[in-house]
Amino acid sequence: MTLRALIFDVDGTLAETEVVHRIAYNIAFAEAGLDWYWTKDAFIKILRNAGAKEQMRAYAKQVGTPLSEKEIISLHDCKMYTYRELLKESGRLQLREGVRDLISRARHKGLKIGIATASHRMNVESLCQACWGKSADRIFNVVATGEEVQAKKPSPDVYQLALNRLAVHPDEAIAIEDSQNGLRAGLDAGLRVLVTPSDFTRADDFSNATWVRDNLALDTLPNALFEALKDEATPALAQMAR
């Protein structure tokens, strides 16, 4: 089928947001008087659980810290606020290589662009403001988030929601992900999945991905995507696509 849509994950895919998330978590823990501190190596393991509250519940159980649901929600709210404030700092976050050009070219070619993320809508908006200076609705045709579905990734629910809102068949879209949970979610939704591992997911197993690339630069894109985006100004790159 003709390619009609691209569906992006957010954290780690559009930008290396996990660095900022980890800082925000540790600030929230300190403000709550907890002796928790998540190193990068620890956070890589924690990220196997999708969703901030899920991650904190799992960690509290792991270290034997009894926390009520009210305390989890309070921690989550503090972390969310801190994350958004950190993103307001100039230069704090940059889009990953190729992301801006890929989205621009796809929009120019008439492809629909969607988001399917386990994260919160407010986090999507904060990233879009930090990296584009625009609201998410001015960049993406649809935004589907973890708060809108019953089960988060690796469940395919959020991709199915995005596909429904985009009004496209799975065969007409490509999911772009950075994690094993995201890969499983995309594949189970019937999508082809292009994985660009982030600094926090490079050790994940992506052997069943449709494609794996280090970044989303035009000359690295798989042919199925490159052919939909190329124009007369880029014929020399056709031989480089694979």
C-alpha atoms as a PDB file:
ATOM      1  CA  MET A   1       0.000   0.000   0.000  1.00  0.00           C
ATOM      2  CA  THR A   2       0.987   3.637  -0.448  1.00  0.00           C
ATOM      3  CA  LEU A   3       2.647   5.236   2.554  1.00  0.00           C
ATOM      4  CA  ARG A   4       0.212   7.769   4.019  1.00  0.00           C
ATOM      5  CA  ALA A   5       1.397   8.379   7.574  1.00  0.00           C
ATOM      6  CA  LEU A   6       4.302   8.410  10.005  1.00  0.00           C
ATOM      7  CA  ILE A   7       3.677   7.833  13.705  1.00  0.00           C
ATOM      8  CA  PHE A   8       6.383   8.957  16.114  1.00  0.00           C
ATOM      9  CA  ASP A   9       7.142   7.966  19.654  1.00  0.00           C
ATOM     10  CA  VAL A  10       8.288  10.973  21.718  1.00  0.00           C
ATOM     11  CA  ASP A  11      10.782  10.300  24.514  1.00  0.00           C
ATOM     12  CA  GLY A  12      14.107   9.178  23.081  1.00  0.00           C
ATOM     13  CA  THR A  13      12.789   9.260  19.507  1.00  0.00           C
ATOM     14  CA  LEU A  14      12.141  12.927  18.791  1.00  0.00           C
ATOM     15  CA  ALA A  15      14.783  14.038  21.300  1.00  0.00           C
ATOM     16  CA  GLU A  16      16.973  12.594  24.057  1.00  0.00           C
ATOM     17  CA  THR A  17      14.428  13.594  26.679  1.00  0.00           C
ATOM     18  CA  GLU A  18      15.327  10.792  29.074  1.00  0.00           C
ATOM     19  CA  VAL A  19      18.315  12.837  30.255  1.00  0.00           C
ATOM     20  CA  VAL A  20      15.958  15.602  31.387  1.00  0.00           C
ATOM     21  CA  HIS A  21      13.393  13.161  32.784  1.00  0.00           C
ATOM     22  CA  ARG A  22      16.072  11.603  35.012  1.00  0.00           C
ATOM     23  CA  ILE A  23      17.086  15.008  36.373  1.00  0.00           C
ATOM     24  CA  ALA A  24      13.432  15.866  37.044  1.00  0.00           C
ATOM     25  CA  TYR A  25      12.847  12.586  38.874  1.00  0.00           C
ATOM     26  CA  ASN A  26      15.846  13.102  41.145  1.00  0.00           C
ATOM     27  CA  ILE A  27      14.784  16.662  41.970  1.00  0.00           C
ATOM     28  CA  ALA A  28      11.276  15.425  42.823  1.00  0.00           C
ATOM     29  CA  PHE A  29      12.685  12.678  45.041  1.00  0.00           C
ATOM     30  CA  ALA A  30      14.899  15.138  46.925  1.00  0.00           C
ATOM     31  CA  GLU A  31      12.025  17.580  47.439  1.00  0.00           C
ATOM     32  CA  ALA A  32       9.893  14.737  48.833  1.00  0.00           C
ATOM     33  CA  GLY A  33      12.636  13.787  51.296  1.00  0.00           C
ATOM     34  CA  LEU A  34      13.306  10.415  49.672  1.00  0.00           C
ATOM     35  CA  ASP A  35      16.837   9.025  49.565  1.00  0.00           C
ATOM     36  CA  TRP A  36      16.276   7.761  46.009  1.00  0.00           C
ATOM     37  CA  TYR A  37      18.728   8.764  43.294  1.00  0.00           C
ATOM     38  CA  TRP A  38      18.498   7.305  39.804  1.00  0.00           C
ATOM     39  CA  THR A  39      21.817   7.018  38.000  1.00  0.00           C
ATOM     40  CA  LYS A  40      21.846   6.632  34.224  1.00  0.00           C
ATOM     41  CA  ASP A  41      22.467   2.879  34.490  1.00  0.00           C
ATOM     42  CA  ALA A  42      19.639   2.493  37.004  1.00  0.00           C
ATOM     43  CA  PHE A  43      17.308   4.584  34.853  1.00  0.00           C
ATOM     44  CA  ILE A  44      17.976   2.429  31.794  1.00  0.00           C
ATOM     45  CA  LYS A  45      16.548  -0.530  33.729  1.00  0.00           C
ATOM     46  CA  ILE A  46      13.683   1.523  35.162  1.00  0.00           C
ATOM     47  CA  LEU A  47      12.623   2.578  31.659  1.00  0.00           C
ATOM     48  CA  ARG A  48      11.560  -1.001  30.953  1.00  0.00           C
ATOM     49  CA  ASN A  49       8.355   0.044  32.716  1.00  0.00           C
ATOM     50  CA  ALA A  50       6.375   2.473  30.563  1.00  0.00           C
ATOM     51  CA  GLY A  51       4.891   5.478  32.351  1.00  0.00           C
ATOM     52  CA  ALA A  52       6.174   7.673  35.179  1.00  0.00           C
ATOM     53  CA  LYS A  53       3.816   6.469  37.902  1.00  0.00           C
ATOM     54  CA  GLU A  54       4.380   2.864  36.879  1.00  0.00           C
ATOM     55  CA  GLN A  55       8.138   3.388  37.111  1.00  0.00           C
ATOM     56  CA  MET A  56       7.902   4.874  40.605  1.00  0.00           C
ATOM     57  CA  ARG A  57       5.548   2.152  41.846  1.00  0.00           C
ATOM     58  CA  ALA A  58       7.899  -0.546  40.564  1.00  0.00           C
ATOM     59  CA  TYR A  59      10.948   1.103  42.113  1.00  0.00           C
ATOM     60  CA  ALA A  60       9.229   1.653  45.474  1.00  0.00           C
ATOM     61  CA  LYS A  61       8.394  -2.053  45.555  1.00  0.00           C
ATOM     62  CA  GLN A  62      11.937  -2.986  44.523  1.00  0.00           C
ATOM     63  CA  VAL A  63      13.627  -0.977  47.298  1.00  0.00           C
ATOM     64  CA  GLY A  64      10.963  -1.649  49.919  1.00  0.00           C
ATOM     65  CA  THR A  65       9.742   1.930  50.334  1.00  0.00           C
ATOM     66  CA  PRO A  66       6.021   1.932  51.177  1.00  0.00           C
ATOM     67  CA  LEU A  67       4.324   4.735  49.239  1.00  0.00           C
ATOM     68  CA  SER A  68       0.602   5.381  49.043  1.00  0.00           C
ATOM     69  CA  GLU A  69      -1.071   6.139  45.735  1.00  0.00           C
ATOM     70  CA  LYS A  70      -1.508   9.722  46.939  1.00  0.00           C
ATOM     71  CA  GLU A  71       2.254   9.981  47.476  1.00  0.00           C
ATOM     72  CA  ILE A  72       2.945   8.504  44.034  1.00  0.00           C
ATOM     73  CA  ILE A  73       0.624  11.060  42.437  1.00  0.00           C
ATOM     74  CA  SER A  74       2.287  13.883  44.381  1.00  0.00           C
ATOM     75  CA  LEU A  75       5.736  12.731  43.234  1.00  0.00           C
ATOM     76  CA  HIS A  76       4.468  12.466  39.674  1.00  0.00           C
ATOM     77  CA  ASP A  77       3.021  15.983  39.729  1.00  0.00           C
ATOM     78  CA  CYS A  78       6.274  17.420  41.102  1.00  0.00           C
ATOM     79  CA  LYS A  79       8.335  15.551  38.528  1.00  0.00           C
ATOM     80  CA  MET A  80       6.065  16.692  35.677  1.00  0.00           C
ATOM     81  CA  TYR A  81       6.272  20.331  36.764  1.00  0.00           C
ATOM     82  CA  THR A  82      10.061  20.131  37.128  1.00  0.00           C
ATOM     83  CA  TYR A  83      10.450  18.496  33.711  1.00  0.00           C
ATOM     84  CA  ARG A  84       8.420  21.212  32.000  1.00  0.00           C
ATOM     85  CA  GLU A  85      10.367  23.944  33.778  1.00  0.00           C
ATOM     86  CA  LEU A  86      13.693  22.381  32.759  1.00  0.00           C
ATOM     87  CA  LEU A  87      12.594  22.313  29.114  1.00  0.00           C
ATOM     88  CA  LYS A  88      12.031  26.066  29.225  1.00  0.00           C
ATOM     89  CA  GLU A  89      15.772  26.591  29.667  1.00  0.00           C
ATOM     90  CA  SER A  90      17.295  27.726  26.380  1.00  0.00           C
ATOM     91  CA  GLY A  91      19.240  24.973  24.639  1.00  0.00           C
ATOM     92  CA  ARG A  92      18.268  22.321  27.184  1.00  0.00           C
ATOM     93  CA  LEU A  93      16.804  20.030  24.519  1.00  0.00           C
ATOM     94  CA  GLN A  94      17.545  19.499  20.831  1.00  0.00           C
ATOM     95  CA  LEU A  95      15.738  17.324  18.309  1.00  0.00           C
ATOM     96  CA  ARG A  96      17.639  14.203  17.300  1.00  0.00           C
ATOM     97  CA  GLU A  97      19.466  14.185  13.983  1.00  0.00           C
ATOM     98  CA  GLY A  98      17.115  14.145  11.008  1.00  0.00           C
ATOM     99  CA  VAL A  99      13.868  14.582  12.950  1.00  0.00           C
ATOM    100  CA  ARG A 100      13.100  18.170  11.946  1.00  0.00           C
ATOM    101  CA  ASP A 101      13.846  17.588   8.256  1.00  0.00           C
ATOM    102  CA  LEU A 102      11.961  14.288   8.156  1.00  0.00           C
ATOM    103  CA  ILE A 103       8.792  15.802   9.606  1.00  0.00           C
ATOM    104  CA  SER A 104       9.062  18.854   7.354  1.00  0.00           C
ATOM    105  CA  ARG A 105       9.530  16.735   4.224  1.00  0.00           C
ATOM    106  CA  ALA A 106       6.729  14.367   5.189  1.00  0.00           C
ATOM    107  CA  ARG A 107       4.303  17.237   5.719  1.00  0.00           C
ATOM    108  CA  HIS A 108       5.363  18.794   2.402  1.00  0.00           C
ATOM    109  CA  LYS A 109       4.657  15.487   0.650  1.00  0.00           C
ATOM    110  CA  GLY A 110       1.190  15.302   2.175  1.00  0.00           C
ATOM    111  CA  LEU A 111       1.854  12.509   4.658  1.00  0.00           C
ATOM    112  CA  LYS A 112      -0.076  12.571   7.901  1.00  0.00           C
ATOM    113  CA  ILE A 113       2.098  12.867  11.008  1.00  0.00           C
ATOM    114  CA  GLY A 114       1.048  11.389  14.336  1.00  0.00           C
ATOM    115  CA  ILE A 115       2.298  10.866  17.869  1.00  0.00           C
ATOM    116  CA  ALA A 116       1.857   7.650  19.865  1.00  0.00           C
ATOM    117  CA  THR A 117       3.468   7.969  23.277  1.00  0.00           C
ATOM    118  CA  ALA A 118       3.209   6.515  26.766  1.00  0.00           C
ATOM    119  CA  SER A 119       3.880  10.009  28.071  1.00  0.00           C
ATOM    120  CA  HIS A 120       1.472  12.767  29.084  1.00  0.00           C
ATOM    121  CA  ARG A 121       0.026  15.324  26.647  1.00  0.00           C
ATOM    122  CA  MET A 122       1.594  18.167  28.635  1.00  0.00           C
ATOM    123  CA  ASN A 123       5.042  16.632  28.117  1.00  0.00           C
ATOM    124  CA  VAL A 124       4.433  16.486  24.370  1.00  0.00           C
ATOM    125  CA  GLU A 125       3.428  20.145  24.390  1.00  0.00           C
ATOM    126  CA  SER A 126       6.513  21.109  26.414  1.00  0.00           C
ATOM    127  CA  LEU A 127       8.812  19.341  23.960  1.00  0.00           C
ATOM    128  CA  CYS A 128       7.142  20.958  20.950  1.00  0.00           C
ATOM    129  CA  GLN A 129       7.438  24.405  22.492  1.00  0.00           C
ATOM    130  CA  ALA A 130      11.089  23.796  23.416  1.00  0.00           C
ATOM    131  CA  CYS A 131      12.131  22.415  20.017  1.00  0.00           C
ATOM    132  CA  TRP A 132       9.754  24.063  17.536  1.00  0.00           C
ATOM    133  CA  GLY A 133       8.335  27.020  19.439  1.00  0.00           C
ATOM    134  CA  LYS A 134       4.869  25.756  18.466  1.00  0.00           C
ATOM    135  CA  SER A 135       2.037  23.734  19.950  1.00  0.00           C
ATOM    136  CA  ALA A 136       1.830  20.036  19.086  1.00  0.00           C
ATOM    137  CA  ASP A 137      -1.295  20.556  16.976  1.00  0.00           C
ATOM    138  CA  ARG A 138       0.672  22.804  14.612  1.00  0.00           C
ATOM    139  CA  ILE A 139       3.217  20.044  13.941  1.00  0.00           C
ATOM    140  CA  PHE A 140       1.293  16.778  14.237  1.00  0.00           C
ATOM    141  CA  ASN A 141      -2.065  15.817  12.782  1.00  0.00           C
ATOM    142  CA  VAL A 142      -2.919  13.704  15.817  1.00  0.00           C
ATOM    143  CA  VAL A 143      -1.484  13.108  19.274  1.00  0.00           C
ATOM    144  CA  ALA A 144      -2.313   9.878  21.131  1.00  0.00           C
ATOM    145  CA  THR A 145      -0.970   9.566  24.677  1.00  0.00           C
ATOM    146  CA  GLY A 146      -0.712   7.004  27.440  1.00  0.00           C
ATOM    147  CA  GLU A 147      -3.315   8.760  29.564  1.00  0.00           C
ATOM    148  CA  GLU A 148      -5.939   8.039  26.885  1.00  0.00           C
ATOM    149  CA  VAL A 149      -5.588   4.261  26.686  1.00  0.00           C
ATOM    150  CA  GLN A 150      -6.178   1.370  29.035  1.00  0.00           C
ATOM    151  CA  ALA A 151      -2.703  -0.158  28.706  1.00  0.00           C
ATOM    152  CA  LYS A 152       0.612   1.514  27.897  1.00  0.00           C
ATOM    153  CA  LYS A 153       3.378   0.181  25.666  1.00  0.00           C
ATOM    154  CA  PRO A 154       4.233  -2.625  24.961  1.00  0.00           C
ATOM    155  CA  SER A 155       0.463  -2.835  24.509  1.00  0.00           C
ATOM    156  CA  PRO A 156      -0.489  -1.670  20.983  1.00  0.00           C
ATOM    157  CA  ASP A 157      -3.385   0.418  22.352  1.00  0.00           C
ATOM    158  CA  VAL A 158      -1.840   3.855  21.802  1.00  0.00           C
ATOM    159  CA  TYR A 159      -0.819   2.986  18.225  1.00  0.00           C
ATOM    160  CA  GLN A 160      -4.297   1.692  17.490  1.00  0.00           C
ATOM    161  CA  LEU A 161      -5.711   4.962  18.812  1.00  0.00           C
ATOM    162  CA  ALA A 162      -3.338   6.977  16.618  1.00  0.00           C
ATOM    163  CA  LEU A 163      -4.197   4.893  13.540  1.00  0.00           C
ATOM    164  CA  ASN A 164      -7.899   5.374  14.189  1.00  0.00           C
ATOM    165  CA  ARG A 165      -7.510   9.143  14.505  1.00  0.00           C
ATOM    166  CA  LEU A 166      -5.338   9.315  11.394  1.00  0.00           C
ATOM    167  CA  ALA A 167      -7.884   7.165   9.521  1.00  0.00           C
ATOM    168  CA  VAL A 168      -5.165   5.001   7.971  1.00  0.00           C
ATOM    169  CA  HIS A 169      -4.594   1.252   7.782  1.00  0.00           C
ATOM    170  CA  PRO A 170      -1.485  -0.138   9.536  1.00  0.00           C
ATOM    171  CA  ASP A 171      -0.058  -1.080   6.119  1.00  0.00           C
ATOM    172  CA  GLU A 172      -0.196   2.608   5.157  1.00  0.00           C
ATOM    173  CA  ALA A 173       1.925   3.841   8.062  1.00  0.00           C
ATOM    174  CA  ILE A 174       5.370   3.493   9.606  1.00  0.00           C
ATOM    175  CA  ALA A 175       6.027   3.747  13.336  1.00  0.00           C
ATOM    176  CA  ILE A 176       9.259   5.389  14.466  1.00  0.00           C
ATOM    177  CA  GLU A 177      10.534   4.212  17.837  1.00  0.00           C
ATOM    178  CA  ASP A 178      13.595   4.004  20.067  1.00  0.00           C
ATOM    179  CA  SER A 179      12.762   1.259  22.585  1.00  0.00           C
ATOM    180  CA  GLN A 180      11.912  -2.418  22.773  1.00  0.00           C
ATOM    181  CA  ASN A 181       8.548  -1.659  24.398  1.00  0.00           C
ATOM    182  CA  GLY A 182       7.737   0.735  21.580  1.00  0.00           C
ATOM    183  CA  LEU A 183       8.872  -1.740  18.946  1.00  0.00           C
ATOM    184  CA  ARG A 184       6.608  -4.442  20.376  1.00  0.00           C
ATOM    185  CA  ALA A 185       3.681  -2.024  20.520  1.00  0.00           C
ATOM    186  CA  GLY A 186       4.131  -0.963  16.906  1.00  0.00           C
ATOM    187  CA  LEU A 187       4.530  -4.491  15.572  1.00  0.00           C
ATOM    188  CA  ASP A 188       1.502  -5.728  17.515  1.00  0.00           C
ATOM    189  CA  ALA A 189      -0.516  -2.890  15.974  1.00  0.00           C
ATOM    190  CA  GLY A 190       0.422  -4.266  12.548  1.00  0.00           C
ATOM    191  CA  LEU A 191       2.870  -1.492  11.689  1.00  0.00           C
ATOM    192  CA  ARG A 192       6.282  -1.546  10.100  1.00  0.00           C
ATOM    193  CA  VAL A 193       8.668  -0.124  12.688  1.00  0.00           C
ATOM    194  CA  LEU A 194      11.790   1.957  12.127  1.00  0.00           C
ATOM    195  CA  VAL A 195      13.920   1.984  15.288  1.00  0.00           C
ATOM    196  CA  THR A 196      16.510   4.652  16.077  1.00  0.00           C
ATOM    197  CA  PRO A 197      18.014   3.602  19.429  1.00  0.00           C
ATOM    198  CA  SER A 198      18.560   6.383  21.946  1.00  0.00           C
ATOM    199  CA  ASP A 199      21.382   6.763  24.454  1.00  0.00           C
ATOM    200  CA  PHE A 200      19.209   4.892  26.955  1.00  0.00           C
ATOM    201  CA  THR A 201      18.073   2.005  24.713  1.00  0.00           C
ATOM    202  CA  ARG A 202      21.123   1.003  22.662  1.00  0.00           C
ATOM    203  CA  ALA A 203      21.422  -2.294  24.546  1.00  0.00           C
ATOM    204  CA  ASP A 204      17.836  -3.328  23.728  1.00  0.00           C
ATOM    205  CA  ASP A 205      17.144  -6.194  21.333  1.00  0.00           C
ATOM    206  CA  PHE A 206      15.812  -4.804  18.050  1.00  0.00           C
ATOM    207  CA  SER A 207      16.373  -7.919  15.954  1.00  0.00           C
ATOM    208  CA  ASN A 208      12.693  -8.106  14.958  1.00  0.00           C
ATOM    209  CA  ALA A 209      12.428  -4.448  13.899  1.00  0.00           C
ATOM    210  CA  THR A 210      11.590  -3.751  10.267  1.00  0.00           C
ATOM    211  CA  TRP A 211      14.572  -1.395  10.118  1.00  0.00           C
ATOM    212  CA  VAL A 212      17.170  -0.085  12.574  1.00  0.00           C
ATOM    213  CA  ARG A 213      19.047   3.166  11.940  1.00  0.00           C
ATOM    214  CA  ASP A 214      21.371   5.290  14.076  1.00  0.00           C
ATOM    215  CA  ASN A 215      19.420   8.432  13.202  1.00  0.00           C
ATOM    216  CA  LEU A 216      16.753   9.784  10.855  1.00  0.00           C
ATOM    217  CA  ALA A 217      18.955  11.718   8.437  1.00  0.00           C
ATOM    218  CA  LEU A 218      17.614  11.536   4.886  1.00  0.00           C
ATOM    219  CA  ASP A 219      20.533   9.515   3.526  1.00  0.00           C
ATOM    220  CA  THR A 220      20.050   6.794   6.163  1.00  0.00           C
ATOM    221  CA  LEU A 221      16.317   6.238   5.733  1.00  0.00           C
ATOM    222  CA  PRO A 222      15.005   2.878   4.503  1.00  0.00           C
ATOM    223  CA  ASN A 223      13.956   2.886   0.873  1.00  0.00           C
ATOM    224  CA  ALA A 224      10.244   2.529   1.684  1.00  0.00           C
ATOM    225  CA  LEU A 225      10.374   5.882   3.458  1.00  0.00           C
ATOM    226  CA  PHE A 226      12.970   7.586   1.288  1.00  0.00           C
ATOM    227  CA  GLU A 227      10.960   6.994  -1.889  1.00  0.00           C
ATOM    228  CA  ALA A 228       7.945   8.727  -0.354  1.00  0.00           C
ATOM    229  CA  LEU A 229      10.006  11.775   0.603  1.00  0.00           C
ATOM    230  CA  LYS A 230      12.506  12.330  -2.187  1.00  0.00           C
ATOM    231  CA  ASP A 231      12.118  15.114  -4.714  1.00  0.00           C
ATOM    232  CA  GLU A 232      13.961  16.266  -7.809  1.00  0.00           C
ATOM    233  CA  ALA A 233      16.508  18.073  -5.650  1.00  0.00           C
ATOM    234  CA  THR A 234      17.698  14.854  -4.033  1.00  0.00           C
ATOM    235  CA  PRO A 235      18.144  12.265  -6.837  1.00  0.00           C
ATOM    236  CA  ALA A 236      21.790  11.623  -5.962  1.00  0.00           C
ATOM    237  CA  LEU A 237      20.732  10.363  -2.549  1.00  0.00           C
ATOM    238  CA  ALA A 238      18.571   7.603  -4.006  1.00  0.00           C
ATOM    239  CA  GLN A 239      21.530   5.264  -4.297  1.00  0.00           C
ATOM    240  CA  MET A 240      22.359   5.881  -0.636  1.00  0.00           C
ATOM    241  CA  ALA A 241      18.902   4.927   0.670  1.00  0.00           C
ATOM    242  CA  ARG A 242      18.527   1.362   1.858  1.00  0.00           C
END
